[in-house]
Amino acid sequence: MSLRKILDGFNYAVAGIVYAIKSQRNMKIHMVAALLVLGLSVYLRISSREFLIIFFAITLVVMAELLNTAVEAVVDLYIQEFHPLARTAKNVAAGAVLLAAANSLVVAYIIIFPRLEGYSLFIAPRIKETPLNVTLIALLTVVLAVGLGKAFTSKSTYVKGGLPSGHTAVAFAGATALTLLTGNILVATVALVMALLVAHSRLDARVHTLFEVVAGALLGILVTMAVFRLAGW
C-alpha cells in the first residue's frame, strides 16, 4: 500500500469524524465534555490507570456516536419512506450511544466526583510527580482543539493542510511542555528549534500558509500553558 493511499485513508477517517461533529449536536456536546474531563483529570491529579479508564470511556462514547451517525446515514440513503425496521435500526444505534454515555457517567462518578470534595476552584494542586500525565493530556487537548478548528474551517482535506496547522501545534505543544518540565534553557532552545523546523517544513512544502502555521504554533503554546497552569506548574 502506497503512502498516498494511507494518507487518503486517514483523511477519509478524519472527514467522517469532522462530519459527525458538524452535523450532530450530541457529538459537539461529547467533544466539549471530553475537553472538560481532560482538564479535570489534570486538576484532580488522577493516576495513570484512572486516566486510561477515563480515556477509554471517552473513546467509547465518541465511537458509539460515530456508528450512530453512520447507521442514520445508511438508513436515510436506502429508506425513503417510513419503515418500522428503519426506526428499529436508528433506535438500536441510539441505544448504543446511551449505554456508552451511561458508562462514562459511572466512570466519572467513581473516579472524578469523589475527588472534587475539598478542592479549591482557584488553587490547583501541584502534580509534578506525574509530569507524563500532564504532558499527555496537554497534547491530547491540543489535538482535539486542532480537530475542532479544522472541523469549522477546512473544506476538503483534514490530515493535510487547513487551519490551524496540526503538525505545528503539536510540535510547539511538545516544546512548551519540555520547557515547563525542565526549566533548562538549553533544552528549551533545542525544543524551540525543532518546533520551528517543523513549522518551516509545513511552509516549505506549501501544505500550510503562514497564517495557518502561526495559528497552530500559538494554539499549541497557549493550550499547553493553560493545561500546565491548571495543574499548578
Protein backbone atom coordinates (compact mmCIF):
# COMPACT_ATOMS: atom_id res chain seq x y z
CA MET A 1 0.00 0.00 0.00
CA SER A 2 1.41 3.37 -1.05
CA LEU A 3 1.90 6.28 1.33
CA ARG A 4 -0.66 8.26 -0.67
CA LYS A 5 -3.35 5.63 -0.07
CA ILE A 6 -2.51 5.54 3.62
CA LEU A 7 -2.83 9.33 3.87
CA ASP A 8 -6.08 9.23 1.92
CA GLY A 9 -7.39 6.60 4.31
CA PHE A 10 -6.56 8.78 7.31
CA ASN A 11 -8.15 11.77 5.61
CA TYR A 12 -11.38 9.86 4.93
CA ALA A 13 -11.49 8.73 8.55
CA VAL A 14 -10.93 12.25 9.87
CA ALA A 15 -13.51 13.57 7.40
CA GLY A 16 -16.03 11.17 8.90
CA ILE A 17 -15.28 12.42 12.41
CA VAL A 18 -15.50 16.04 11.25
CA TYR A 19 -18.84 15.37 9.54
CA ALA A 20 -20.22 13.93 12.77
CA ILE A 21 -19.00 16.94 14.75
CA LYS A 22 -20.54 19.36 12.27
CA SER A 23 -23.87 17.60 11.81
CA GLN A 24 -24.59 16.05 15.21
CA ARG A 25 -25.40 18.29 18.16
CA ASN A 26 -24.67 15.47 20.60
CA MET A 27 -21.22 15.00 19.08
CA LYS A 28 -20.40 18.64 19.80
CA ILE A 29 -21.53 18.12 23.39
CA HIS A 30 -19.36 15.00 23.68
CA MET A 31 -16.28 16.84 22.41
CA VAL A 32 -16.75 19.73 24.84
CA ALA A 33 -17.35 17.27 27.67
CA ALA A 34 -14.16 15.41 26.71
CA LEU A 35 -12.13 18.62 26.96
CA LEU A 36 -13.65 19.41 30.36
CA VAL A 37 -12.95 15.91 31.66
CA LEU A 38 -9.35 16.08 30.48
CA GLY A 39 -8.97 19.37 32.31
CA LEU A 40 -10.46 17.89 35.47
CA SER A 41 -8.12 14.92 35.15
CA VAL A 42 -5.18 17.30 35.39
CA TYR A 43 -6.71 19.29 38.22
CA LEU A 44 -7.56 16.20 40.28
CA ARG A 45 -4.14 14.53 39.81
CA ILE A 46 -5.58 11.17 38.79
CA SER A 47 -3.33 8.15 38.34
CA SER A 48 -2.23 6.69 35.01
CA ARG A 49 -4.62 3.76 35.43
CA GLU A 50 -7.55 6.06 36.15
CA PHE A 51 -6.65 8.22 33.17
CA LEU A 52 -6.63 5.14 30.94
CA ILE A 53 -10.13 4.23 32.14
CA ILE A 54 -11.39 7.77 31.50
CA PHE A 55 -9.76 7.89 28.07
CA PHE A 56 -11.38 4.57 27.12
CA ALA A 57 -14.78 5.84 28.31
CA ILE A 58 -14.43 9.00 26.20
CA THR A 59 -13.35 6.98 23.16
CA LEU A 60 -16.28 4.59 23.61
CA VAL A 61 -18.80 7.44 23.62
CA VAL A 62 -17.30 9.03 20.51
CA MET A 63 -17.18 5.69 18.69
CA ALA A 64 -20.81 4.98 19.55
CA GLU A 65 -21.87 8.40 18.28
CA LEU A 66 -19.92 7.85 15.05
CA LEU A 67 -21.60 4.47 14.50
CA ASN A 68 -24.98 6.03 15.24
CA THR A 69 -24.33 8.73 12.65
CA ALA A 70 -23.26 6.11 10.09
CA VAL A 71 -26.37 4.00 10.70
CA GLU A 72 -28.62 7.04 10.32
CA ALA A 73 -26.92 7.99 7.05
CA VAL A 74 -27.24 4.49 5.58
CA VAL A 75 -30.88 4.15 6.64
CA ASP A 76 -31.76 7.55 5.18
CA LEU A 77 -29.98 6.60 1.95
CA TYR A 78 -31.95 3.41 1.32
CA ILE A 79 -35.26 4.11 3.09
CA GLN A 80 -37.15 6.99 1.51
CA GLU A 81 -40.36 6.48 3.49
CA PHE A 82 -41.29 5.36 6.98
CA HIS A 83 -40.47 1.74 7.78
CA PRO A 84 -40.57 0.09 11.22
CA LEU A 85 -37.21 -1.64 10.61
CA ALA A 86 -35.60 1.70 9.80
CA ARG A 87 -36.88 3.09 13.07
CA THR A 88 -35.61 0.00 14.88
CA ALA A 89 -32.14 0.40 13.37
CA LYS A 90 -31.94 4.03 14.45
CA ASN A 91 -33.28 3.25 17.91
CA VAL A 92 -30.75 0.46 18.45
CA ALA A 93 -27.88 2.71 17.32
CA ALA A 94 -29.11 5.45 19.64
CA GLY A 95 -29.28 2.88 22.42
CA ALA A 96 -25.59 2.12 21.93
CA VAL A 97 -24.80 5.82 22.42
CA LEU A 98 -26.96 5.91 25.54
CA LEU A 99 -25.17 2.91 27.06
CA ALA A 100 -21.74 4.39 26.28
CA ALA A 101 -22.78 7.72 27.81
CA ALA A 102 -24.13 5.94 30.89
CA ASN A 103 -20.82 4.10 31.21
CA SER A 104 -18.93 7.40 31.07
CA LEU A 105 -21.15 8.82 33.82
CA VAL A 106 -20.42 5.81 36.02
CA VAL A 107 -16.69 6.26 35.40
CA ALA A 108 -16.96 9.96 36.24
CA TYR A 109 -18.95 9.20 39.38
CA ILE A 110 -16.39 6.67 40.61
CA ILE A 111 -13.17 8.47 39.64
CA ILE A 112 -13.86 12.21 39.37
CA PHE A 113 -16.78 13.21 41.57
CA PRO A 114 -15.36 11.89 44.89
CA ARG A 115 -12.16 13.86 44.27
CA LEU A 116 -13.94 17.19 43.86
CA GLU A 117 -14.69 17.42 47.57
CA GLY A 118 -12.22 19.62 49.38
CA TYR A 119 -10.60 21.07 46.25
CA SER A 120 -10.39 24.79 45.75
CA LEU A 121 -11.71 26.14 42.48
CA PHE A 122 -8.89 28.67 42.35
CA ILE A 123 -5.79 26.94 43.69
CA ALA A 124 -4.85 23.86 41.70
CA PRO A 125 -2.71 21.22 43.40
CA ARG A 126 0.78 20.70 42.09
CA ILE A 127 1.18 17.36 40.39
CA LYS A 128 4.84 17.37 39.45
CA GLU A 129 5.05 13.72 40.43
CA THR A 130 3.02 12.88 37.30
CA PRO A 131 4.54 15.02 34.52
CA LEU A 132 3.83 12.38 31.88
CA ASN A 133 0.10 12.56 32.60
CA VAL A 134 0.07 16.35 32.34
CA THR A 135 2.04 16.31 29.09
CA LEU A 136 -0.15 13.61 27.56
CA ILE A 137 -3.34 15.45 28.49
CA ALA A 138 -1.92 18.69 27.08
CA LEU A 139 -1.07 17.02 23.78
CA LEU A 140 -4.48 15.33 23.59
CA THR A 141 -6.18 18.65 24.27
CA VAL A 142 -4.15 20.29 21.51
CA VAL A 143 -5.10 17.53 19.07
CA LEU A 144 -8.79 17.91 19.99
CA ALA A 145 -8.56 21.68 19.58
CA VAL A 146 -6.92 21.26 16.16
CA GLY A 147 -9.65 18.83 15.15
CA LEU A 148 -12.37 21.24 16.20
CA GLY A 149 -10.62 24.08 14.40
CA LYS A 150 -10.36 22.15 11.15
CA ALA A 151 -13.94 20.95 11.50
CA PHE A 152 -15.16 24.50 11.11
CA THR A 153 -12.56 25.89 8.70
CA SER A 154 -11.37 23.13 6.35
CA LYS A 155 -13.43 22.32 3.29
CA SER A 156 -11.62 19.28 1.85
CA THR A 157 -8.66 17.52 3.41
CA TYR A 158 -8.22 17.39 7.18
CA VAL A 159 -4.99 15.43 7.62
CA LYS A 160 -3.08 17.68 5.24
CA GLY A 161 -3.49 21.44 5.23
CA GLY A 162 -6.18 23.54 6.83
CA LEU A 163 -6.46 25.91 9.77
CA PRO A 164 -4.67 25.50 12.11
CA SER A 165 -1.56 23.51 11.26
CA GLY A 166 -1.82 20.36 13.37
CA HIS A 167 1.84 19.37 12.99
CA THR A 168 2.96 22.82 14.10
CA ALA A 169 0.52 22.87 17.02
CA VAL A 170 1.74 19.52 18.35
CA ALA A 171 5.40 20.47 17.80
CA PHE A 172 5.08 23.70 19.76
CA ALA A 173 2.99 21.97 22.41
CA GLY A 174 5.81 19.48 22.91
CA ALA A 175 8.40 22.25 23.00
CA THR A 176 6.36 24.18 25.56
CA ALA A 177 5.90 21.08 27.71
CA LEU A 178 9.64 20.34 27.68
CA THR A 179 10.41 23.93 28.63
CA LEU A 180 7.97 23.91 31.53
CA LEU A 181 9.06 20.48 32.76
CA THR A 182 12.81 21.00 32.66
CA GLY A 183 13.28 24.75 33.13
CA ASN A 184 16.57 24.28 31.27
CA ILE A 185 17.48 26.98 28.76
CA LEU A 186 19.44 24.54 26.57
CA VAL A 187 16.58 22.04 26.41
CA ALA A 188 14.12 24.86 25.75
CA THR A 189 16.27 26.22 22.92
CA VAL A 190 16.67 22.83 21.25
CA ALA A 191 12.94 22.13 21.59
CA LEU A 192 12.08 25.52 20.09
CA VAL A 193 14.46 24.98 17.17
CA MET A 194 12.89 21.58 16.46
CA ALA A 195 9.41 23.09 16.57
CA LEU A 196 10.48 25.89 14.22
CA LEU A 197 11.89 23.29 11.82
CA VAL A 198 8.52 21.52 11.79
CA ALA A 199 6.78 24.83 11.10
CA HIS A 200 9.25 25.67 8.33
CA SER A 201 8.73 22.25 6.74
CA ARG A 202 4.97 22.89 6.53
CA LEU A 203 5.63 26.21 4.82
CA ASP A 204 8.37 24.85 2.58
CA ALA A 205 6.12 22.03 1.38
CA ARG A 206 3.34 24.58 0.79
CA VAL A 207 0.99 22.50 2.88
CA HIS A 208 0.02 25.49 5.03
CA THR A 209 0.00 29.25 4.76
CA LEU A 210 1.99 31.40 7.17
CA PHE A 211 -1.21 32.31 9.00
CA GLU A 212 -2.16 28.64 9.48
CA VAL A 213 1.32 27.81 10.80
CA VAL A 214 1.35 30.76 13.21
CA ALA A 215 -2.15 29.86 14.39
CA GLY A 216 -1.02 26.29 15.03
CA ALA A 217 2.04 27.45 16.96
CA LEU A 218 0.01 29.80 19.15
CA LEU A 219 -2.62 27.14 19.75
CA GLY A 220 -0.01 24.59 20.83
CA ILE A 221 1.74 27.04 23.15
CA LEU A 222 -1.36 28.56 24.75
CA VAL A 223 -3.26 25.30 25.28
CA THR A 224 -0.21 23.59 26.79
CA MET A 225 0.48 26.53 29.09
CA ALA A 226 -3.17 26.54 30.17
CA VAL A 227 -3.12 22.82 30.98
CA PHE A 228 0.14 23.09 32.93
CA ARG A 229 -1.15 26.18 34.71
CA LEU A 230 -4.27 24.27 35.69
CA ALA A 231 -2.01 21.52 37.01
CA GLY A 232 -0.18 24.02 39.21
CA TRP A 233 3.12 24.20 37.32
